[in-house]
C-alpha cells in the first residue's frame, strides 16, 4: 500500500510540477492570451493605416483636404478670407539691408 501511495505521489508531482505540467500550461495560456490582445491592437492599427493609404491613393477628398489645409487651395467660386493679426512693432533689423554686396 505504501509503494502504491509513493507511486501516486510521484505521478502527481510530475503532473503538477514537471515539464508540460499544470503550472507551465497555465503560464502558457496567459502568454497566449496576452499575445492575442497585442495582435488585436496591432491589427486595428494596421487596418487604420491601410484605410488611410487606400483613401490617399483613390480618393480625391483626402488629397483635397491636405491641399486646402497645407497649401491654401481655393476652388473656383469660393471666397477666400485671411484673418491677419495686427503686428505690435516691426523689428529694427528689417530697416537695414540683409546683404552688404555692392552689386545689386
PDB file of N, CA and C in Angstrom:
ATOM      1  N   UNK A   1       0.831  -1.194   0.000  1.00  0.00           N
ATOM      2  CA  UNK A   1       0.000   0.000   0.000  1.00  0.00           C
ATOM      3  C   UNK A   1       0.878   1.261   0.000  1.00  0.00           C
ATOM      4  N   UNK A   2       1.953   1.212   0.777  1.00  0.00           N
ATOM      5  CA  UNK A   2       2.862   2.349   0.857  1.00  0.00           C
ATOM      6  C   UNK A   2       3.550   2.599  -0.492  1.00  0.00           C
ATOM      7  N   UNK A   3       3.888   1.529  -1.198  1.00  0.00           N
ATOM      8  CA  UNK A   3       4.529   1.649  -2.505  1.00  0.00           C
ATOM      9  C   UNK A   3       3.568   2.271  -3.521  1.00  0.00           C
ATOM     10  N   UNK A   4       2.316   1.881  -3.478  1.00  0.00           N
ATOM     11  CA  UNK A   4       1.324   2.462  -4.388  1.00  0.00           C
ATOM     12  C   UNK A   4       1.113   3.944  -4.090  1.00  0.00           C
ATOM     13  N   UNK A   5       1.112   4.291  -2.805  1.00  0.00           N
ATOM     14  CA  UNK A   5       0.948   5.693  -2.424  1.00  0.00           C
ATOM     15  C   UNK A   5       2.147   6.529  -2.901  1.00  0.00           C
ATOM     16  N   UNK A   6       3.339   5.983  -2.788  1.00  0.00           N
ATOM     17  CA  UNK A   6       4.552   6.672  -3.259  1.00  0.00           C
ATOM     18  C   UNK A   6       4.514   6.838  -4.773  1.00  0.00           C
ATOM     19  N   UNK A   7       4.077   5.812  -5.482  1.00  0.00           N
ATOM     20  CA  UNK A   7       3.961   5.898  -6.940  1.00  0.00           C
ATOM     21  C   UNK A   7       2.937   6.948  -7.350  1.00  0.00           C
ATOM     22  N   UNK A   8       1.816   6.995  -6.652  1.00  0.00           N
ATOM     23  CA  UNK A   8       0.790   8.004  -6.938  1.00  0.00           C
ATOM     24  C   UNK A   8       1.338   9.416  -6.714  1.00  0.00           C
ATOM     25  N   UNK A   9       2.052   9.634  -5.639  1.00  0.00           N
ATOM     26  CA  UNK A   9       2.651  10.958  -5.370  1.00  0.00           C
ATOM     27  C   UNK A   9       3.676  11.331  -6.441  1.00  0.00           C
ATOM     28  N   UNK A  10       4.464  10.358  -6.870  1.00  0.00           N
ATOM     29  CA  UNK A  10       5.462  10.614  -7.911  1.00  0.00           C
ATOM     30  C   UNK A  10       4.781  11.023  -9.218  1.00  0.00           C
ATOM     31  N   UNK A  11       3.715  10.324  -9.570  1.00  0.00           N
ATOM     32  CA  UNK A  11       2.994  10.658 -10.802  1.00  0.00           C
ATOM     33  C   UNK A  11       2.286  12.012 -10.687  1.00  0.00           C
ATOM     34  N   UNK A  12       1.708  12.274  -9.538  1.00  0.00           N
ATOM     35  CA  UNK A  12       1.025  13.557  -9.334  1.00  0.00           C
ATOM     36  C   UNK A  12       2.017  14.715  -9.356  1.00  0.00           C
ATOM     37  N   UNK A  13       3.193  14.516  -8.762  1.00  0.00           N
ATOM     38  CA  UNK A  13       4.179  15.601  -8.758  1.00  0.00           C
ATOM     39  C   UNK A  13       4.626  15.907 -10.182  1.00  0.00           C
ATOM     40  N   UNK A  14       4.751  14.867 -10.998  1.00  0.00           N
ATOM     41  CA  UNK A  14       5.123  15.088 -12.403  1.00  0.00           C
ATOM     42  C   UNK A  14       4.012  15.843 -13.135  1.00  0.00           C
ATOM     43  N   UNK A  15       2.769  15.519 -12.809  1.00  0.00           N
ATOM     44  CA  UNK A  15       1.630  16.193 -13.436  1.00  0.00           C
ATOM     45  C   UNK A  15       1.613  17.679 -13.068  1.00  0.00           C
ATOM     46  N   UNK A  16       1.861  18.015 -11.835  1.00  0.00           N
ATOM     47  CA  UNK A  16       1.768  19.395 -11.376  1.00  0.00           C
ATOM     48  C   UNK A  16       3.031  20.210 -11.641  1.00  0.00           C
ATOM     49  N   UNK A  17       4.203  19.605 -11.432  1.00  0.00           N
ATOM     50  CA  UNK A  17       5.438  20.382 -11.463  1.00  0.00           C
ATOM     51  C   UNK A  17       6.385  20.010 -12.590  1.00  0.00           C
ATOM     52  N   UNK A  18       6.142  18.968 -13.343  1.00  0.00           N
ATOM     53  CA  UNK A  18       7.049  18.511 -14.381  1.00  0.00           C
ATOM     54  C   UNK A  18       6.935  19.322 -15.658  1.00  0.00           C
ATOM     55  N   UNK A  19       7.721  18.907 -16.657  1.00  0.00           N
ATOM     56  CA  UNK A  19       7.674  19.544 -17.972  1.00  0.00           C
ATOM     57  C   UNK A  19       6.282  19.400 -18.562  1.00  0.00           C
ATOM     58  N   UNK A  20       5.687  20.511 -18.973  1.00  0.00           N
ATOM     59  CA  UNK A  20       4.343  20.477 -19.526  1.00  0.00           C
ATOM     60  C   UNK A  20       3.293  20.241 -18.463  1.00  0.00           C
ATOM     61  N   UNK A  21       3.645  20.496 -17.219  1.00  0.00           N
ATOM     62  CA  UNK A  21       2.716  20.302 -16.119  1.00  0.00           C
ATOM     63  C   UNK A  21       1.658  21.387 -16.054  1.00  0.00           C
ATOM     64  N   UNK A  22       0.843  21.284 -15.026  1.00  0.00           N
ATOM     65  CA  UNK A  22      -0.296  22.177 -14.890  1.00  0.00           C
ATOM     66  C   UNK A  22       0.135  23.639 -14.755  1.00  0.00           C
ATOM     67  N   UNK A  23       1.167  23.939 -13.953  1.00  0.00           N
ATOM     68  CA  UNK A  23       1.599  25.321 -13.763  1.00  0.00           C
ATOM     69  C   UNK A  23       2.182  25.914 -15.043  1.00  0.00           C
ATOM     70  N   UNK A  24       2.940  25.112 -15.760  1.00  0.00           N
ATOM     71  CA  UNK A  24       3.504  25.590 -17.028  1.00  0.00           C
ATOM     72  C   UNK A  24       2.400  25.833 -18.059  1.00  0.00           C
ATOM     73  N   UNK A  25       1.411  24.971 -18.077  1.00  0.00           N
ATOM     74  CA  UNK A  25       0.298  25.140 -19.009  1.00  0.00           C
ATOM     75  C   UNK A  25      -0.481  26.417 -18.689  1.00  0.00           C
ATOM     76  N   UNK A  26      -0.636  26.695 -17.402  1.00  0.00           N
ATOM     77  CA  UNK A  26      -1.340  27.919 -17.003  1.00  0.00           C
ATOM     78  C   UNK A  26      -0.574  29.158 -17.461  1.00  0.00           C
ATOM     79  N   UNK A  27       0.747  29.160 -17.307  1.00  0.00           N
ATOM     80  CA  UNK A  27       1.567  30.284 -17.771  1.00  0.00           C
ATOM     81  C   UNK A  27       1.480  30.439 -19.284  1.00  0.00           C
ATOM     82  N   UNK A  28       1.496  29.332 -19.994  1.00  0.00           N
ATOM     83  CA  UNK A  28       1.400  29.395 -21.460  1.00  0.00           C
ATOM     84  C   UNK A  28       0.047  29.932 -21.913  1.00  0.00           C
ATOM     85  N   UNK A  29      -1.025  29.540 -21.227  1.00  0.00           N
ATOM     86  CA  UNK A  29      -2.343  30.084 -21.566  1.00  0.00           C
ATOM     87  C   UNK A  29      -2.375  31.600 -21.366  1.00  0.00           C
ATOM     88  N   UNK A  30      -1.755  32.081 -20.294  1.00  0.00           N
ATOM     89  CA  UNK A  30      -1.710  33.523 -20.044  1.00  0.00           C
ATOM     90  C   UNK A  30      -0.887  34.241 -21.115  1.00  0.00           C
ATOM     91  N   UNK A  31       0.222  33.639 -21.504  1.00  0.00           N
ATOM     92  CA  UNK A  31       1.066  34.219 -22.557  1.00  0.00           C
ATOM     93  C   UNK A  31       0.308  34.302 -23.885  1.00  0.00           C
ATOM     94  N   UNK A  32      -0.412  33.245 -24.211  1.00  0.00           N
ATOM     95  CA  UNK A  32      -1.203  33.225 -25.454  1.00  0.00           C
ATOM     96  C   UNK A  32      -2.292  34.295 -25.403  1.00  0.00           C
ATOM     97  N   UNK A  33      -2.932  34.442 -24.260  1.00  0.00           N
ATOM     98  CA  UNK A  33      -3.978  35.452 -24.106  1.00  0.00           C
ATOM     99  C   UNK A  33      -3.404  36.863 -24.282  1.00  0.00           C
ATOM    100  N   UNK A  34      -2.253  37.122 -23.679  1.00  0.00           N
ATOM    101  CA  UNK A  34      -1.610  38.434 -23.829  1.00  0.00           C
ATOM    102  C   UNK A  34      -1.224  38.694 -25.280  1.00  0.00           C
ATOM    103  N   UNK A  35      -0.703  37.680 -25.946  1.00  0.00           N
ATOM    104  CA  UNK A  35      -0.283  37.848 -27.335  1.00  0.00           C
ATOM    105  C   UNK A  35      -1.484  38.090 -28.247  1.00  0.00           C
ATOM    106  N   UNK A  36      -2.598  37.431 -27.976  1.00  0.00           N
ATOM    107  CA  UNK A  36      -3.809  37.672 -28.785  1.00  0.00           C
ATOM    108  C   UNK A  36      -4.311  39.101 -28.621  1.00  0.00           C
ATOM    109  N   UNK A  37      -4.254  39.621 -27.400  1.00  0.00           N
ATOM    110  CA  UNK A  37      -4.669  41.007 -27.171  1.00  0.00           C
ATOM    111  C   UNK A  37      -3.749  41.976 -27.916  1.00  0.00           C
ATOM    112  N   UNK A  38      -2.458  41.715 -27.877  1.00  0.00           N
ATOM    113  CA  UNK A  38      -1.491  42.557 -28.598  1.00  0.00           C
ATOM    114  C   UNK A  38      -1.717  42.478 -30.104  1.00  0.00           C
ATOM    115  N   UNK A  39      -1.977  41.275 -30.604  1.00  0.00           N
ATOM    116  CA  UNK A  39      -2.249  41.103 -32.035  1.00  0.00           C
ATOM    117  C   UNK A  39      -3.499  41.867 -32.462  1.00  0.00           C
ATOM    118  N   UNK A  40      -4.536  41.847 -31.634  1.00  0.00           N
ATOM    119  CA  UNK A  40      -5.769  42.571 -31.960  1.00  0.00           C
ATOM    120  C   UNK A  40      -5.508  44.075 -32.009  1.00  0.00           C
ATOM    121  N   UNK A  41      -4.713  44.586 -31.053  1.00  0.00           N
ATOM    122  CA  UNK A  41      -4.391  46.008 -31.046  1.00  0.00           C
ATOM    123  C   UNK A  41      -3.601  46.393 -32.293  1.00  0.00           C
ATOM    124  N   UNK A  42      -2.618  45.580 -32.656  1.00  0.00           N
ATOM    125  CA  UNK A  42      -1.813  45.865 -33.846  1.00  0.00           C
ATOM    126  C   UNK A  42      -2.630  45.724 -35.128  1.00  0.00           C
ATOM    127  N   UNK A  43      -3.560  44.799 -35.155  1.00  0.00           N
ATOM    128  CA  UNK A  43      -4.414  44.634 -36.335  1.00  0.00           C
ATOM    129  C   UNK A  43      -5.293  45.860 -36.547  1.00  0.00           C
ATOM    130  N   UNK A  44      -5.819  46.426 -35.461  1.00  0.00           N
ATOM    131  CA  UNK A  44      -6.616  47.653 -35.576  1.00  0.00           C
ATOM    132  C   UNK A  44      -5.773  48.791 -36.128  1.00  0.00           C
ATOM    133  N   UNK A  45      -4.542  48.911 -35.640  1.00  0.00           N
ATOM    134  CA  UNK A  45      -3.651  49.960 -36.131  1.00  0.00           C
ATOM    135  C   UNK A  45      -3.349  49.756 -37.611  1.00  0.00           C
ATOM    136  N   UNK A  46      -3.079  48.514 -38.006  1.00  0.00           N
ATOM    137  CA  UNK A  46      -2.795  48.224 -39.412  1.00  0.00           C
ATOM    138  C   UNK A  46      -4.001  48.522 -40.294  1.00  0.00           C
ATOM    139  N   UNK A  47      -5.197  48.185 -39.826  1.00  0.00           N
ATOM    140  CA  UNK A  47      -6.406  48.475 -40.593  1.00  0.00           C
ATOM    141  C   UNK A  47      -6.594  49.973 -40.793  1.00  0.00           C
ATOM    142  N   UNK A  48      -6.331  50.749 -39.746  1.00  0.00           N
ATOM    143  CA  UNK A  48      -6.474  52.199 -39.858  1.00  0.00           C
ATOM    144  C   UNK A  48      -5.457  52.765 -40.845  1.00  0.00           C
ATOM    145  N   UNK A  49      -4.233  52.302 -40.773  1.00  0.00           N
ATOM    146  CA  UNK A  49      -3.206  52.778 -41.709  1.00  0.00           C
ATOM    147  C   UNK A  49      -3.515  52.346 -43.134  1.00  0.00           C
ATOM    148  N   UNK A  50      -4.006  51.144 -43.290  1.00  0.00           N
ATOM    149  CA  UNK A  50      -4.359  50.650 -44.625  1.00  0.00           C
ATOM    150  C   UNK A  50      -5.500  51.474 -45.228  1.00  0.00           C
ATOM    151  N   UNK A  51      -6.483  51.811 -44.404  1.00  0.00           N
ATOM    152  CA  UNK A  51      -7.600  52.630 -44.893  1.00  0.00           C
ATOM    153  C   UNK A  51      -7.116  54.022 -45.283  1.00  0.00           C
ATOM    154  N   UNK A  52      -6.188  54.576 -44.518  1.00  0.00           N
ATOM    155  CA  UNK A  52      -5.672  55.902 -44.854  1.00  0.00           C
ATOM    156  C   UNK A  52      -4.882  55.860 -46.160  1.00  0.00           C
ATOM    157  N   UNK A  53      -4.070  54.825 -46.348  1.00  0.00           N
ATOM    158  CA  UNK A  53      -3.309  54.688 -47.593  1.00  0.00           C
ATOM    159  C   UNK A  53      -4.259  54.531 -48.779  1.00  0.00           C
ATOM    160  N   UNK A  54      -5.278  53.697 -48.629  1.00  0.00           N
ATOM    161  CA  UNK A  54      -6.243  53.494 -49.714  1.00  0.00           C
ATOM    162  C   UNK A  54      -6.981  54.788 -50.036  1.00  0.00           C
ATOM    163  N   UNK A  55      -7.328  55.558 -49.003  1.00  0.00           N
ATOM    164  CA  UNK A  55      -8.025  56.821 -49.216  1.00  0.00           C
ATOM    165  C   UNK A  55      -7.135  57.803 -49.965  1.00  0.00           C
ATOM    166  N   UNK A  56      -5.862  57.848 -49.615  1.00  0.00           N
ATOM    167  CA  UNK A  56      -4.944  58.752 -50.306  1.00  0.00           C
ATOM    168  C   UNK A  56      -4.688  58.312 -51.743  1.00  0.00           C
ATOM    169  N   UNK A  57      -4.700  57.003 -51.996  1.00  0.00           N
ATOM    170  CA  UNK A  57      -4.460  56.508 -53.347  1.00  0.00           C
ATOM    171  C   UNK A  57      -5.658  56.748 -54.266  1.00  0.00           C
ATOM    172  N   UNK A  58      -6.860  56.491 -53.773  1.00  0.00           N
ATOM    173  CA  UNK A  58      -8.018  56.516 -54.666  1.00  0.00           C
ATOM    174  C   UNK A  58      -8.935  57.714 -54.465  1.00  0.00           C
ATOM    175  N   UNK A  59      -9.017  58.224 -53.281  1.00  0.00           N
ATOM    176  CA  UNK A  59      -9.971  59.298 -53.025  1.00  0.00           C
ATOM    177  C   UNK A  59      -9.357  60.665 -53.187  1.00  0.00           C
ATOM    178  N   UNK A  60     -10.092  61.541 -53.831  1.00  0.00           N
ATOM    179  CA  UNK A  60      -9.611  62.903 -54.010  1.00  0.00           C
ATOM    180  C   UNK A  60      -9.884  63.762 -52.788  1.00  0.00           C
ATOM    181  N   UNK A  61     -10.815  63.342 -51.960  1.00  0.00           N
ATOM    182  CA  UNK A  61     -11.176  64.183 -50.815  1.00  0.00           C
ATOM    183  C   UNK A  61     -10.032  64.320 -49.823  1.00  0.00           C
ATOM    184  N   UNK A  62      -9.268  63.247 -49.592  1.00  0.00           N
ATOM    185  CA  UNK A  62      -8.149  63.336 -48.657  1.00  0.00           C
ATOM    186  C   UNK A  62      -7.051  64.233 -49.217  1.00  0.00           C
ATOM    187  N   UNK A  63      -6.789  64.113 -50.510  1.00  0.00           N
ATOM    188  CA  UNK A  63      -5.771  64.954 -51.139  1.00  0.00           C
ATOM    189  C   UNK A  63      -6.231  66.410 -51.131  1.00  0.00           C
ATOM    190  N   UNK A  64      -7.509  66.628 -51.423  1.00  0.00           N
ATOM    191  CA  UNK A  64      -8.057  67.985 -51.420  1.00  0.00           C
ATOM    192  C   UNK A  64      -7.983  68.595 -50.022  1.00  0.00           C
ATOM    193  N   UNK A  65      -8.300  67.807 -49.022  1.00  0.00           N
ATOM    194  CA  UNK A  65      -8.248  68.310 -47.638  1.00  0.00           C
ATOM    195  C   UNK A  65      -6.832  68.742 -47.263  1.00  0.00           C
ATOM    196  N   UNK A  66      -5.853  67.936 -47.649  1.00  0.00           N
ATOM    197  CA  UNK A  66      -4.463  68.314 -47.358  1.00  0.00           C
ATOM    198  C   UNK A  66      -4.044  69.543 -48.154  1.00  0.00           C
ATOM    199  N   UNK A  67      -4.475  69.631 -49.400  1.00  0.00           N
ATOM    200  CA  UNK A  67      -4.123  70.786 -50.219  1.00  0.00           C
ATOM    201  C   UNK A  67      -4.740  72.056 -49.646  1.00  0.00           C
ATOM    202  N   UNK A  68      -5.965  71.973 -49.156  1.00  0.00           N
ATOM    203  CA  UNK A  68      -6.613  73.147 -48.567  1.00  0.00           C
ATOM    204  C   UNK A  68      -5.916  73.583 -47.281  1.00  0.00           C
ATOM    205  N   UNK A  69      -5.583  72.621 -46.427  1.00  0.00           N
ATOM    206  CA  UNK A  69      -5.009  72.996 -45.131  1.00  0.00           C
ATOM    207  C   UNK A  69      -3.540  73.377 -45.240  1.00  0.00           C
ATOM    208  N   UNK A  70      -2.770  72.682 -46.075  1.00  0.00           N
ATOM    209  CA  UNK A  70      -1.332  72.931 -46.130  1.00  0.00           C
ATOM    210  C   UNK A  70      -0.933  73.940 -47.197  1.00  0.00           C
ATOM    211  N   UNK A  71      -1.668  74.001 -48.299  1.00  0.00           N
ATOM    212  CA  UNK A  71      -1.283  74.872 -49.409  1.00  0.00           C
ATOM    213  C   UNK A  71      -2.239  76.040 -49.628  1.00  0.00           C
ATOM    214  N   UNK A  72      -3.343  76.093 -48.919  1.00  0.00           N
ATOM    215  CA  UNK A  72      -4.296  77.182 -49.069  1.00  0.00           C
ATOM    216  C   UNK A  72      -5.094  77.114 -50.362  1.00  0.00           C
ATOM    217  N   UNK A  73      -5.395  75.936 -50.856  1.00  0.00           N
ATOM    218  CA  UNK A  73      -6.130  75.769 -52.109  1.00  0.00           C
ATOM    219  C   UNK A  73      -7.547  76.326 -51.977  1.00  0.00           C
ATOM    220  N   UNK A  74      -8.008  77.008 -53.038  1.00  0.00           N
ATOM    221  CA  UNK A  74      -9.358  77.563 -53.085  1.00  0.00           C
ATOM    222  C   UNK A  74      -9.986  77.124 -54.400  1.00  0.00           C
ATOM    223  N   UNK A  75     -11.210  76.627 -54.328  1.00  0.00           N
ATOM    224  CA  UNK A  75     -11.918  76.204 -55.535  1.00  0.00           C
ATOM    225  C   UNK A  75     -12.490  77.424 -56.253  1.00  0.00           C
ATOM    226  N   UNK A  76     -12.728  77.287 -57.563  1.00  0.00           N
ATOM    227  CA  UNK A  76     -13.381  78.380 -58.280  1.00  0.00           C
ATOM    228  C   UNK A  76     -14.770  78.632 -57.707  1.00  0.00           C
ATOM    229  N   UNK A  77     -15.096  79.884 -57.521  1.00  0.00           N
ATOM    230  CA  UNK A  77     -16.401  80.246 -56.982  1.00  0.00           C
ATOM    231  C   UNK A  77     -16.392  80.413 -55.470  1.00  0.00           C
ATOM    232  N   UNK A  78     -15.335  80.018 -54.816  1.00  0.00           N
ATOM    233  CA  UNK A  78     -15.231  80.195 -53.373  1.00  0.00           C
ATOM    234  C   UNK A  78     -14.555  81.521 -53.065  1.00  0.00           C
ATOM    235  N   UNK A  79     -14.867  82.063 -51.923  1.00  0.00           N
ATOM    236  CA  UNK A  79     -14.228  83.303 -51.489  1.00  0.00           C
ATOM    237  C   UNK A  79     -13.264  82.967 -50.361  1.00  0.00           C
ATOM    238  N   UNK A  80     -12.033  83.432 -50.501  1.00  0.00           N
ATOM    239  CA  UNK A  80     -11.004  83.163 -49.507  1.00  0.00           C
ATOM    240  C   UNK A  80     -10.876  84.356 -48.567  1.00  0.00           C
ATOM    241  N   UNK A  81     -10.953  84.109 -47.285  1.00  0.00           N
ATOM    242  CA  UNK A  81     -10.774  85.150 -46.283  1.00  0.00           C
ATOM    243  C   UNK A  81      -9.549  84.824 -45.459  1.00  0.00           C
ATOM    244  N   UNK A  82      -8.676  85.794 -45.311  1.00  0.00           N
ATOM    245  CA  UNK A  82      -7.498  85.612 -44.466  1.00  0.00           C
ATOM    246  C   UNK A  82      -7.608  86.572 -43.296  1.00  0.00           C
ATOM    247  N   UNK A  83      -7.477  86.024 -42.100  1.00  0.00           N
ATOM    248  CA  UNK A  83      -7.509  86.839 -40.893  1.00  0.00           C
ATOM    249  C   UNK A  83      -6.059  87.142 -40.522  1.00  0.00           C
ATOM    250  N   UNK A  84      -5.745  88.433 -40.466  1.00  0.00           N
ATOM    251  CA  UNK A  84      -4.383  88.846 -40.165  1.00  0.00           C
ATOM    252  C   UNK A  84      -4.363  89.469 -38.777  1.00  0.00           C
ATOM    253  N   UNK A  85      -3.467  88.975 -37.941  1.00  0.00           N
ATOM    254  CA  UNK A  85      -3.300  89.537 -36.605  1.00  0.00           C
ATOM    255  C   UNK A  85      -2.512  90.835 -36.719  1.00  0.00           C
ATOM    256  N   UNK A  86      -2.894  91.858 -35.962  1.00  0.00           N
ATOM    257  CA  UNK A  86      -2.144  93.118 -36.032  1.00  0.00           C
ATOM    258  C   UNK A  86      -0.738  92.931 -35.460  1.00  0.00           C
ATOM    259  N   UNK A  87       0.227  93.571 -36.134  1.00  0.00           N
ATOM    260  CA  UNK A  87       1.609  93.500 -35.670  1.00  0.00           C
ATOM    261  C   UNK A  87       1.823  94.569 -34.616  1.00  0.00           C
ATOM    262  N   UNK A  88       2.459  94.236 -33.517  1.00  0.00           N
ATOM    263  CA  UNK A  88       2.667  95.204 -32.434  1.00  0.00           C
ATOM    264  C   UNK A  88       3.792  96.165 -32.773  1.00  0.00           C
ATOM    265  N   UNK A  89       4.896  95.666 -33.293  1.00  0.00           N
ATOM    266  CA  UNK A  89       6.010  96.539 -33.683  1.00  0.00           C
ATOM    267  C   UNK A  89       6.849  95.804 -34.709  1.00  0.00           C
ATOM    268  N   UNK A  90       7.350  96.551 -35.684  1.00  0.00           N
ATOM    269  CA  UNK A  90       8.206  95.943 -36.690  1.00  0.00           C
ATOM    270  C   UNK A  90       9.612  95.839 -36.127  1.00  0.00           C
ATOM    271  N   UNK A  91      10.336  94.763 -36.434  1.00  0.00           N
ATOM    272  CA  UNK A  91      11.707  94.642 -35.941  1.00  0.00           C
ATOM    273  C   UNK A  91      12.621  95.661 -36.603  1.00  0.00           C
ATOM    274  N   UNK A  92      13.592  96.152 -35.847  1.00  0.00           N
ATOM    275  CA  UNK A  92      14.521  97.166 -36.352  1.00  0.00           C
ATOM    276  C   UNK A  92      15.469  96.591 -37.378  1.00  0.00           C
ATOM    277  N   UNK A  93      15.705  95.315 -37.384  1.00  0.00           N
ATOM    278  CA  UNK A  93      16.628  94.678 -38.315  1.00  0.00           C
ATOM    279  C   UNK A  93      16.123  94.732 -39.747  1.00  0.00           C
ATOM    280  N   UNK A  94      14.831  94.890 -39.962  1.00  0.00           N
ATOM    281  CA  UNK A  94      14.307  94.910 -41.322  1.00  0.00           C
ATOM    282  C   UNK A  94      14.617  96.225 -42.032  1.00  0.00           C
ATOM    283  N   UNK A  95      14.998  97.271 -41.303  1.00  0.00           N
ATOM    284  CA  UNK A  95      15.324  98.555 -41.916  1.00  0.00           C
ATOM    285  C   UNK A  95      16.698  98.521 -42.566  1.00  0.00           C
ATOM    286  N   UNK A  96      17.595  97.675 -42.098  1.00  0.00           N
ATOM    287  CA  UNK A  96      18.927  97.584 -42.680  1.00  0.00           C
ATOM    288  C   UNK A  96      18.924  96.521 -43.760  1.00  0.00           C
ATOM    289  N   UNK A  97      19.741  96.701 -44.814  1.00  0.00           N
ATOM    290  CA  UNK A  97      19.767  95.688 -45.872  1.00  0.00           C
ATOM    291  C   UNK A  97      20.343  94.383 -45.334  1.00  0.00           C
ATOM    292  N   UNK A  98      19.853  93.284 -45.901  1.00  0.00           N
ATOM    293  CA  UNK A  98      20.263  91.973 -45.445  1.00  0.00           C
ATOM    294  C   UNK A  98      21.660  91.628 -45.923  1.00  0.00           C
ATOM    295  N   UNK A  99      22.062  92.138 -47.099  1.00  0.00           N
ATOM    296  CA  UNK A  99      23.390  91.831 -47.633  1.00  0.00           C
ATOM    297  C   UNK A  99      24.169  93.125 -47.784  1.00  0.00           C
ATOM    298  N   UNK A 100      25.470  92.984 -47.759  1.00  0.00           N
ATOM    299  CA  UNK A 100      26.342  94.157 -47.951  1.00  0.00           C
ATOM    300  C   UNK A 100      27.049  94.048 -49.285  1.00  0.00           C
ATOM    301  N   UNK A 101      26.508  93.330 -50.217  1.00  0.00           N
ATOM    302  CA  UNK A 101      27.082  93.147 -51.548  1.00  0.00           C
ATOM    303  C   UNK A 101      26.917  94.457 -52.322  1.00  0.00           C
ATOM    304  N   UNK A 102      28.019  95.044 -52.830  1.00  0.00           N
ATOM    305  CA  UNK A 102      27.905  96.331 -53.539  1.00  0.00           C
ATOM    306  C   UNK A 102      27.187  96.206 -54.881  1.00  0.00           C
ATOM    307  N   UNK A 103      27.156  95.022 -55.480  1.00  0.00           N
ATOM    308  CA  UNK A 103      26.469  94.854 -56.762  1.00  0.00           C
ATOM    309  C   UNK A 103      25.039  94.426 -56.486  1.00  0.00           C
ATOM    310  N   UNK A 104      24.089  95.291 -56.870  1.00  0.00           N
ATOM    311  CA  UNK A 104      22.689  94.948 -56.653  1.00  0.00           C
ATOM    312  C   UNK A 104      21.885  95.195 -57.887  1.00  0.00           C
TER     313      UNK A 104
END
